[in-house]
Amino acid sequence: MTVTRHIPRGPRCAAPAVWGRCLFACTLLAFLGSSRLEAAPAVGEEAPDFALKTFVDGNVRLSEFRGEVVVLNFWAAWCGPCQQELPRLNDLFQRYQRAGLVMLGVNLDDDIGRAQDMSRRLGLAFPMLFDPAKAVGRLYELDALPVTVFIDREGVVRHVHETFRVEDGAVYLEQIRQLLDE
C-alpha cells in the first residue's frame, strides 16, 4: 500500500481571519516540540465519517461510499487555486466515474449562492456538499484551501494534497488509476 502526503509549494488560500489564529497555534506547537502537526486525517488512517447536504439532492454520508474509491475536495468560491483545480477534478470524475470513482466537493463558503454559481459556471458534474458551519472542515483539520483527500475502497486515507498546481493533475491521474486497480 502506497501512501503519500503531498504539500507542494505554491499558492494557498487561507480562509479569512479564522486561519491566522490557527497558524499561530501551529507555530506555537512546533516550537514546543509537538510531533504531529499534519492535517487530519493522517495518511493510512480511516477517513472521518460525516453527513452534509448537497446543493440539490438532500444529504450524503461519506460511509455510504465504502467499497468505492472516493476523492474529497475541500474548496471555496473565493479561492483562486480551487478555481483552477475543480475543472481538472471534474475531468477526472467524468473519465473514471464508470470505473467506480466517487468525487465529492465540500464547499466551505458562507454563502451557498456564490458556491452554486461557481459550480454551475465551471460545469461541475460531481456532487457538491455544503458545509457553512465548517464542521467537516474542522473534522479534517483544514488550515488552507484547496485540500484534496484520496480514500481507498476500505475507507482509508491514502493521499492528501494541500493546495494545487497545474502539474498536480498528472499526479492525481496516477493515484486515481492506482486506487481503482486495487
C-alpha atoms as a PDB file:
ATOM      1  CA  MET A   1       0.000   0.000   0.000  1.00  0.00           C
ATOM      2  CA  THR A   2       1.459   3.320  -1.090  1.00  0.00           C
ATOM      3  CA  VAL A   3       0.522   6.373   0.905  1.00  0.00           C
ATOM      4  CA  THR A   4       1.596   9.942   0.336  1.00  0.00           C
ATOM      5  CA  ARG A   5       1.099  13.349   1.758  1.00  0.00           C
ATOM      6  CA  HIS A   6       1.646  15.970  -0.915  1.00  0.00           C
ATOM      7  CA  ILE A   7       2.291  19.527   0.216  1.00  0.00           C
ATOM      8  CA  PRO A   8       3.696  21.399  -2.789  1.00  0.00           C
ATOM      9  CA  ARG A   9       4.967  24.918  -2.617  1.00  0.00           C
ATOM     10  CA  GLY A  10       2.638  27.322  -4.325  1.00  0.00           C
ATOM     11  CA  PRO A  11      -0.402  29.476  -3.790  1.00  0.00           C
ATOM     12  CA  ARG A  12      -2.731  28.505  -0.972  1.00  0.00           C
ATOM     13  CA  CYS A  13      -5.976  30.095   0.022  1.00  0.00           C
ATOM     14  CA  ALA A  14      -6.039  30.722   3.715  1.00  0.00           C
ATOM     15  CA  ALA A  15      -9.546  31.339   4.974  1.00  0.00           C
ATOM     16  CA  PRO A  16     -10.168  34.909   6.028  1.00  0.00           C
ATOM     17  CA  ALA A  17      -9.405  35.831   9.651  1.00  0.00           C
ATOM     18  CA  VAL A  18     -10.015  32.411  11.231  1.00  0.00           C
ATOM     19  CA  TRP A  19      -6.922  30.728   9.837  1.00  0.00           C
ATOM     20  CA  GLY A  20      -4.495  33.329  11.244  1.00  0.00           C
ATOM     21  CA  ARG A  21      -5.157  32.049  14.763  1.00  0.00           C
ATOM     22  CA  CYS A  22      -4.580  28.500  13.542  1.00  0.00           C
ATOM     23  CA  LEU A  23      -1.190  29.477  12.099  1.00  0.00           C
ATOM     24  CA  PHE A  24      -0.172  30.970  15.452  1.00  0.00           C
ATOM     25  CA  ALA A  25      -1.289  27.838  17.314  1.00  0.00           C
ATOM     26  CA  CYS A  26       0.564  25.548  14.906  1.00  0.00           C
ATOM     27  CA  THR A  27       3.724  27.650  15.205  1.00  0.00           C
ATOM     28  CA  LEU A  28       3.496  27.533  18.991  1.00  0.00           C
ATOM     29  CA  LEU A  29       3.031  23.741  18.960  1.00  0.00           C
ATOM     30  CA  ALA A  30       6.025  23.334  16.645  1.00  0.00           C
ATOM     31  CA  PHE A  31       8.117  25.470  18.959  1.00  0.00           C
ATOM     32  CA  LEU A  32       7.069  23.356  21.931  1.00  0.00           C
ATOM     33  CA  GLY A  33       8.120  20.178  20.127  1.00  0.00           C
ATOM     34  CA  SER A  34       4.821  18.687  19.000  1.00  0.00           C
ATOM     35  CA  SER A  35       5.423  15.604  16.861  1.00  0.00           C
ATOM     36  CA  ARG A  36       2.168  15.735  14.875  1.00  0.00           C
ATOM     37  CA  LEU A  37       1.270  18.951  13.090  1.00  0.00           C
ATOM     38  CA  GLU A  38      -0.109  17.386   9.916  1.00  0.00           C
ATOM     39  CA  ALA A  39      -3.711  17.940   8.978  1.00  0.00           C
ATOM     40  CA  ALA A  40      -6.120  15.189   9.939  1.00  0.00           C
ATOM     41  CA  PRO A  41      -6.839  12.610   8.917  1.00  0.00           C
ATOM     42  CA  ALA A  42      -3.366  11.164   8.738  1.00  0.00           C
ATOM     43  CA  VAL A  43      -2.494   9.160   5.673  1.00  0.00           C
ATOM     44  CA  GLY A  44      -3.093   5.488   6.455  1.00  0.00           C
ATOM     45  CA  GLU A  45      -5.940   6.182   8.907  1.00  0.00           C
ATOM     46  CA  GLU A  46      -9.658   5.740   8.364  1.00  0.00           C
ATOM     47  CA  ALA A  47     -11.327   8.825   6.896  1.00  0.00           C
ATOM     48  CA  PRO A  48     -13.634  10.510   9.425  1.00  0.00           C
ATOM     49  CA  ASP A  49     -17.284   9.970   8.512  1.00  0.00           C
ATOM     50  CA  PHE A  50     -19.677  12.882   8.065  1.00  0.00           C
ATOM     51  CA  ALA A  51     -23.021  13.788   6.539  1.00  0.00           C
ATOM     52  CA  LEU A  52     -23.706  17.040   4.663  1.00  0.00           C
ATOM     53  CA  LYS A  53     -26.451  18.479   2.493  1.00  0.00           C
ATOM     54  CA  THR A  54     -25.887  18.542  -1.238  1.00  0.00           C
ATOM     55  CA  PHE A  55     -26.703  21.578  -3.309  1.00  0.00           C
ATOM     56  CA  VAL A  56     -29.672  19.707  -4.824  1.00  0.00           C
ATOM     57  CA  ASP A  57     -30.371  16.157  -3.575  1.00  0.00           C
ATOM     58  CA  GLY A  58     -30.626  16.071   0.216  1.00  0.00           C
ATOM     59  CA  ASN A  59     -27.949  14.544   2.443  1.00  0.00           C
ATOM     60  CA  VAL A  60     -24.867  12.486   1.636  1.00  0.00           C
ATOM     61  CA  ARG A  61     -22.878  10.439   4.160  1.00  0.00           C
ATOM     62  CA  LEU A  62     -19.264   9.558   3.349  1.00  0.00           C
ATOM     63  CA  SER A  63     -19.613   5.997   4.707  1.00  0.00           C
ATOM     64  CA  GLU A  64     -22.297   5.301   2.053  1.00  0.00           C
ATOM     65  CA  PHE A  65     -19.460   5.017  -0.447  1.00  0.00           C
ATOM     66  CA  ARG A  66     -17.465   2.292   1.334  1.00  0.00           C
ATOM     67  CA  GLY A  67     -16.261  -0.084  -1.378  1.00  0.00           C
ATOM     68  CA  GLU A  68     -15.652   2.779  -3.820  1.00  0.00           C
ATOM     69  CA  VAL A  69     -12.635   4.997  -4.404  1.00  0.00           C
ATOM     70  CA  VAL A  70     -13.553   8.448  -3.083  1.00  0.00           C
ATOM     71  CA  VAL A  71     -11.958  11.814  -3.751  1.00  0.00           C
ATOM     72  CA  LEU A  72     -12.948  14.594  -1.340  1.00  0.00           C
ATOM     73  CA  ASN A  73     -12.176  18.118  -2.442  1.00  0.00           C
ATOM     74  CA  PHE A  74     -12.496  20.975   0.055  1.00  0.00           C
ATOM     75  CA  TRP A  75     -12.959  24.317  -1.695  1.00  0.00           C
ATOM     76  CA  ALA A  76     -14.447  27.809  -1.599  1.00  0.00           C
ATOM     77  CA  ALA A  77     -15.537  30.218  -4.328  1.00  0.00           C
ATOM     78  CA  TRP A  78     -13.071  32.901  -3.172  1.00  0.00           C
ATOM     79  CA  CYS A  79     -10.085  30.526  -3.545  1.00  0.00           C
ATOM     80  CA  GLY A  80      -8.083  31.004  -6.773  1.00  0.00           C
ATOM     81  CA  PRO A  81      -6.283  27.627  -6.717  1.00  0.00           C
ATOM     82  CA  CYS A  82      -9.673  25.967  -6.067  1.00  0.00           C
ATOM     83  CA  GLN A  83     -10.985  27.521  -9.278  1.00  0.00           C
ATOM     84  CA  GLN A  84      -8.027  26.000 -11.158  1.00  0.00           C
ATOM     85  CA  GLU A  85      -8.326  22.585  -9.520  1.00  0.00           C
ATOM     86  CA  LEU A  86     -12.088  21.977  -9.779  1.00  0.00           C
ATOM     87  CA  PRO A  87     -12.265  21.695 -13.623  1.00  0.00           C
ATOM     88  CA  ARG A  88      -9.391  19.194 -13.587  1.00  0.00           C
ATOM     89  CA  LEU A  89     -11.113  17.137 -10.896  1.00  0.00           C
ATOM     90  CA  ASN A  90     -14.320  17.296 -12.931  1.00  0.00           C
ATOM     91  CA  ASP A  91     -12.474  15.897 -15.974  1.00  0.00           C
ATOM     92  CA  LEU A  92     -11.094  13.026 -13.882  1.00  0.00           C
ATOM     93  CA  PHE A  93     -14.539  12.335 -12.427  1.00  0.00           C
ATOM     94  CA  GLN A  94     -16.177  12.201 -15.847  1.00  0.00           C
ATOM     95  CA  ARG A  95     -13.419   9.952 -17.152  1.00  0.00           C
ATOM     96  CA  TYR A  96     -13.418   7.446 -14.248  1.00  0.00           C
ATOM     97  CA  GLN A  97     -16.937   7.611 -12.827  1.00  0.00           C
ATOM     98  CA  ARG A  98     -17.958   4.415 -14.626  1.00  0.00           C
ATOM     99  CA  ALA A  99     -14.889   2.654 -13.202  1.00  0.00           C
ATOM    100  CA  GLY A 100     -16.099   3.314  -9.650  1.00  0.00           C
ATOM    101  CA  LEU A 101     -14.676   6.743  -8.814  1.00  0.00           C
ATOM    102  CA  VAL A 102     -16.780   8.842  -6.440  1.00  0.00           C
ATOM    103  CA  MET A 103     -15.929  12.509  -6.160  1.00  0.00           C
ATOM    104  CA  LEU A 104     -17.425  14.842  -3.577  1.00  0.00           C
ATOM    105  CA  GLY A 105     -16.828  18.573  -3.406  1.00  0.00           C
ATOM    106  CA  VAL A 106     -17.109  20.007   0.113  1.00  0.00           C
ATOM    107  CA  ASN A 107     -17.760  23.731  -0.126  1.00  0.00           C
ATOM    108  CA  LEU A 108     -16.820  25.922   2.831  1.00  0.00           C
ATOM    109  CA  ASP A 109     -18.360  29.230   1.703  1.00  0.00           C
ATOM    110  CA  ASP A 110     -20.713  31.110   3.999  1.00  0.00           C
ATOM    111  CA  ASP A 111     -22.958  31.925   1.020  1.00  0.00           C
ATOM    112  CA  ILE A 112     -24.416  28.902  -0.795  1.00  0.00           C
ATOM    113  CA  GLY A 113     -25.410  31.154  -3.699  1.00  0.00           C
ATOM    114  CA  ARG A 114     -21.796  32.029  -4.565  1.00  0.00           C
ATOM    115  CA  ALA A 115     -20.824  28.382  -4.328  1.00  0.00           C
ATOM    116  CA  GLN A 116     -23.707  27.250  -6.547  1.00  0.00           C
ATOM    117  CA  ASP A 117     -22.919  29.956  -9.109  1.00  0.00           C
ATOM    118  CA  MET A 118     -19.300  28.874  -9.328  1.00  0.00           C
ATOM    119  CA  SER A 119     -20.246  25.206  -9.557  1.00  0.00           C
ATOM    120  CA  ARG A 120     -22.632  25.979 -12.444  1.00  0.00           C
ATOM    121  CA  ARG A 121     -20.158  28.305 -14.176  1.00  0.00           C
ATOM    122  CA  LEU A 122     -17.480  25.590 -14.097  1.00  0.00           C
ATOM    123  CA  GLY A 123     -19.962  22.890 -15.212  1.00  0.00           C
ATOM    124  CA  LEU A 124     -19.102  20.579 -12.339  1.00  0.00           C
ATOM    125  CA  ALA A 125     -20.744  17.156 -12.660  1.00  0.00           C
ATOM    126  CA  PHE A 126     -19.854  15.651  -9.282  1.00  0.00           C
ATOM    127  CA  PRO A 127     -21.936  16.214  -6.129  1.00  0.00           C
ATOM    128  CA  MET A 128     -21.311  19.389  -4.178  1.00  0.00           C
ATOM    129  CA  LEU A 129     -21.827  19.333  -0.424  1.00  0.00           C
ATOM    130  CA  PHE A 130     -22.319  22.483   1.607  1.00  0.00           C
ATOM    131  CA  ASP A 131     -20.517  22.977   4.943  1.00  0.00           C
ATOM    132  CA  PRO A 132     -21.330  26.577   6.008  1.00  0.00           C
ATOM    133  CA  ALA A 133     -20.657  25.804   9.693  1.00  0.00           C
ATOM    134  CA  LYS A 134     -17.230  24.410   8.699  1.00  0.00           C
ATOM    135  CA  ALA A 135     -17.873  21.329  10.869  1.00  0.00           C
ATOM    136  CA  VAL A 136     -16.343  18.912   8.353  1.00  0.00           C
ATOM    137  CA  GLY A 137     -13.534  21.374   7.692  1.00  0.00           C
ATOM    138  CA  ARG A 138     -12.737  21.238  11.421  1.00  0.00           C
ATOM    139  CA  LEU A 139     -13.118  17.441  11.452  1.00  0.00           C
ATOM    140  CA  TYR A 140     -10.456  17.247   8.737  1.00  0.00           C
ATOM    141  CA  GLU A 141      -8.414  19.986  10.479  1.00  0.00           C
ATOM    142  CA  LEU A 142      -8.077  22.188   7.406  1.00  0.00           C
ATOM    143  CA  ASP A 143      -5.900  25.253   7.643  1.00  0.00           C
ATOM    144  CA  ALA A 144      -5.938  26.332   3.991  1.00  0.00           C
ATOM    145  CA  LEU A 145      -7.669  25.540   0.710  1.00  0.00           C
ATOM    146  CA  PRO A 146      -7.856  23.632  -1.509  1.00  0.00           C
ATOM    147  CA  VAL A 147      -7.320  20.262   0.149  1.00  0.00           C
ATOM    148  CA  THR A 148      -7.973  17.045  -1.762  1.00  0.00           C
ATOM    149  CA  VAL A 149      -8.172  13.696   0.038  1.00  0.00           C
ATOM    150  CA  PHE A 150      -7.992  10.331  -1.756  1.00  0.00           C
ATOM    151  CA  ILE A 151      -9.747   7.494   0.094  1.00  0.00           C
ATOM    152  CA  ASP A 152      -9.444   3.825  -0.861  1.00  0.00           C
ATOM    153  CA  ARG A 153     -12.251   1.260  -1.065  1.00  0.00           C
ATOM    154  CA  GLU A 154     -11.796   0.351   2.605  1.00  0.00           C
ATOM    155  CA  GLY A 155     -12.261   3.937   3.775  1.00  0.00           C
ATOM    156  CA  VAL A 156      -8.569   4.588   4.445  1.00  0.00           C
ATOM    157  CA  VAL A 157      -6.949   7.910   3.527  1.00  0.00           C
ATOM    158  CA  ARG A 158      -4.225   7.180   1.008  1.00  0.00           C
ATOM    159  CA  HIS A 159      -3.183  10.610  -0.264  1.00  0.00           C
ATOM    160  CA  VAL A 160      -3.693  14.179   0.944  1.00  0.00           C
ATOM    161  CA  HIS A 161      -2.924  17.121  -1.333  1.00  0.00           C
ATOM    162  CA  GLU A 162      -2.774  20.588   0.164  1.00  0.00           C
ATOM    163  CA  THR A 163      -3.016  23.413  -2.406  1.00  0.00           C
ATOM    164  CA  PHE A 164      -2.973  22.837  -6.167  1.00  0.00           C
ATOM    165  CA  ARG A 165      -0.570  23.364  -9.038  1.00  0.00           C
ATOM    166  CA  VAL A 166      -1.376  22.567 -12.672  1.00  0.00           C
ATOM    167  CA  GLU A 167       1.223  19.781 -12.738  1.00  0.00           C
ATOM    168  CA  ASP A 168      -0.637  18.039  -9.886  1.00  0.00           C
ATOM    169  CA  GLY A 169      -3.213  16.852 -12.435  1.00  0.00           C
ATOM    170  CA  ALA A 170      -0.830  14.116 -13.615  1.00  0.00           C
ATOM    171  CA  VAL A 171      -0.218  13.003 -10.015  1.00  0.00           C
ATOM    172  CA  TYR A 172      -3.977  12.849  -9.376  1.00  0.00           C
ATOM    173  CA  LEU A 173      -4.478  10.735 -12.513  1.00  0.00           C
ATOM    174  CA  GLU A 174      -1.792   8.253 -11.459  1.00  0.00           C
ATOM    175  CA  GLN A 175      -3.124   7.955  -7.906  1.00  0.00           C
ATOM    176  CA  ILE A 176      -6.733   7.503  -9.054  1.00  0.00           C
ATOM    177  CA  ARG A 177      -5.728   4.786 -11.509  1.00  0.00           C
ATOM    178  CA  GLN A 178      -3.720   3.010  -8.812  1.00  0.00           C
ATOM    179  CA  LEU A 179      -6.624   3.079  -6.318  1.00  0.00           C
ATOM    180  CA  LEU A 180      -9.150   1.917  -8.924  1.00  0.00           C
ATOM    181  CA  ASP A 181      -6.861  -1.001  -9.897  1.00  0.00           C
ATOM    182  CA  GLU A 182      -6.577  -2.298  -6.324  1.00  0.00           C
END
